[in-house]
C-alpha atoms as a PDB file:
ATOM      1  CA  MET A   1     -10.517  -6.780 -11.082  1.00  0.00           C
ATOM      2  CA  LYS A   2     -12.674  -6.076  -7.999  1.00  0.00           C
ATOM      3  CA  GLY A   3     -10.537  -7.282  -5.225  1.00  0.00           C
ATOM      4  CA  SER A   4      -7.684  -5.347  -6.637  1.00  0.00           C
ATOM      5  CA  GLU A   5      -9.724  -2.450  -6.813  1.00  0.00           C
ATOM      6  CA  ASN A   6     -10.551  -3.086  -2.886  1.00  0.00           C
ATOM      7  CA  PHE A   7      -6.966  -3.477  -2.139  1.00  0.00           C
ATOM      8  CA  VAL A   8      -5.959  -0.437  -3.727  1.00  0.00           C
ATOM      9  CA  GLN A   9      -8.455   1.710  -1.729  1.00  0.00           C
ATOM     10  CA  LEU A  10      -7.524   0.090   1.371  1.00  0.00           C
ATOM     11  CA  VAL A  11      -4.109   1.045   1.074  1.00  0.00           C
ATOM     12  CA  LYS A  12      -4.773   4.580   0.042  1.00  0.00           C
ATOM     13  CA  ASN A  13      -7.133   4.972   2.954  1.00  0.00           C
ATOM     14  CA  THR A  14      -4.554   3.546   4.954  1.00  0.00           C
ATOM     15  CA  TYR A  15      -1.645   5.971   3.706  1.00  0.00           C
ATOM     16  CA  ARG A  16      -4.320   9.007   4.031  1.00  0.00           C
ATOM     17  CA  VAL A  17      -4.985   8.353   7.824  1.00  0.00           C
ATOM     18  CA  LEU A  18      -1.134   7.557   8.984  1.00  0.00           C
ATOM     19  CA  LEU A  19      -0.207  10.964   6.824  1.00  0.00           C
ATOM     20  CA  GLY A  20      -3.208  12.972   8.340  1.00  0.00           C
ATOM     21  CA  ARG A  21      -1.598  12.340  11.774  1.00  0.00           C
ATOM     22  CA  GLY A  22       1.272  14.143  11.227  1.00  0.00           C
ATOM     23  CA  MET A  23       3.966  11.532   9.774  1.00  0.00           C
ATOM     24  CA  LYS A  24       6.662  13.004   7.448  1.00  0.00           C
ATOM     25  CA  ALA A  25       6.775   9.699   5.723  1.00  0.00           C
ATOM     26  CA  CYS A  26       5.464   6.319   5.606  1.00  0.00           C
ATOM     27  CA  TYR A  27       7.770   3.466   4.523  1.00  0.00           C
ATOM     28  CA  VAL A  28       7.046  -0.009   4.149  1.00  0.00           C
ATOM     29  CA  TYR A  29       9.834  -3.023   4.281  1.00  0.00           C
ATOM     30  CA  PHE A  30       9.252  -6.166   3.088  1.00  0.00           C
ATOM     31  CA  MET A  31      11.496  -9.387   4.304  1.00  0.00           C
ATOM     32  CA  ASP A  32      11.323 -10.856   1.106  1.00  0.00           C
ATOM     33  CA  LYS A  33      11.207  -9.819  -2.495  1.00  0.00           C
ATOM     34  CA  GLU A  34       8.249 -12.066  -3.357  1.00  0.00           C
ATOM     35  CA  THR A  35       6.171 -10.291  -1.014  1.00  0.00           C
ATOM     36  CA  GLU A  36       7.329  -6.974  -2.374  1.00  0.00           C
ATOM     37  CA  ARG A  37       6.616  -7.842  -6.019  1.00  0.00           C
ATOM     38  CA  TYR A  38       3.086  -9.252  -4.803  1.00  0.00           C
ATOM     39  CA  PHE A  39       2.510  -5.668  -3.273  1.00  0.00           C
ATOM     40  CA  ARG A  40       4.142  -3.714  -6.242  1.00  0.00           C
ATOM     41  CA  SER A  41       1.842  -5.593  -8.503  1.00  0.00           C
ATOM     42  CA  ARG A  42      -1.049  -4.478  -6.838  1.00  0.00           C
ATOM     43  CA  MET A  43      -0.238  -0.920  -6.880  1.00  0.00           C
ATOM     44  CA  ARG A  44       0.353  -0.695 -10.629  1.00  0.00           C
ATOM     45  CA  ARG A  45      -2.820   0.420 -12.444  1.00  0.00           C
END
């Protein structure tokens, strides 16, 4: 689970930096459903 924890921390830090720079929103677009499912599976607690 260490890799999963690192991934979640990386995503949180990325969003914190992006939103801290004055962005109103941040969207992630996936080219395929398999990648989207993988990303979503890593974000669930």
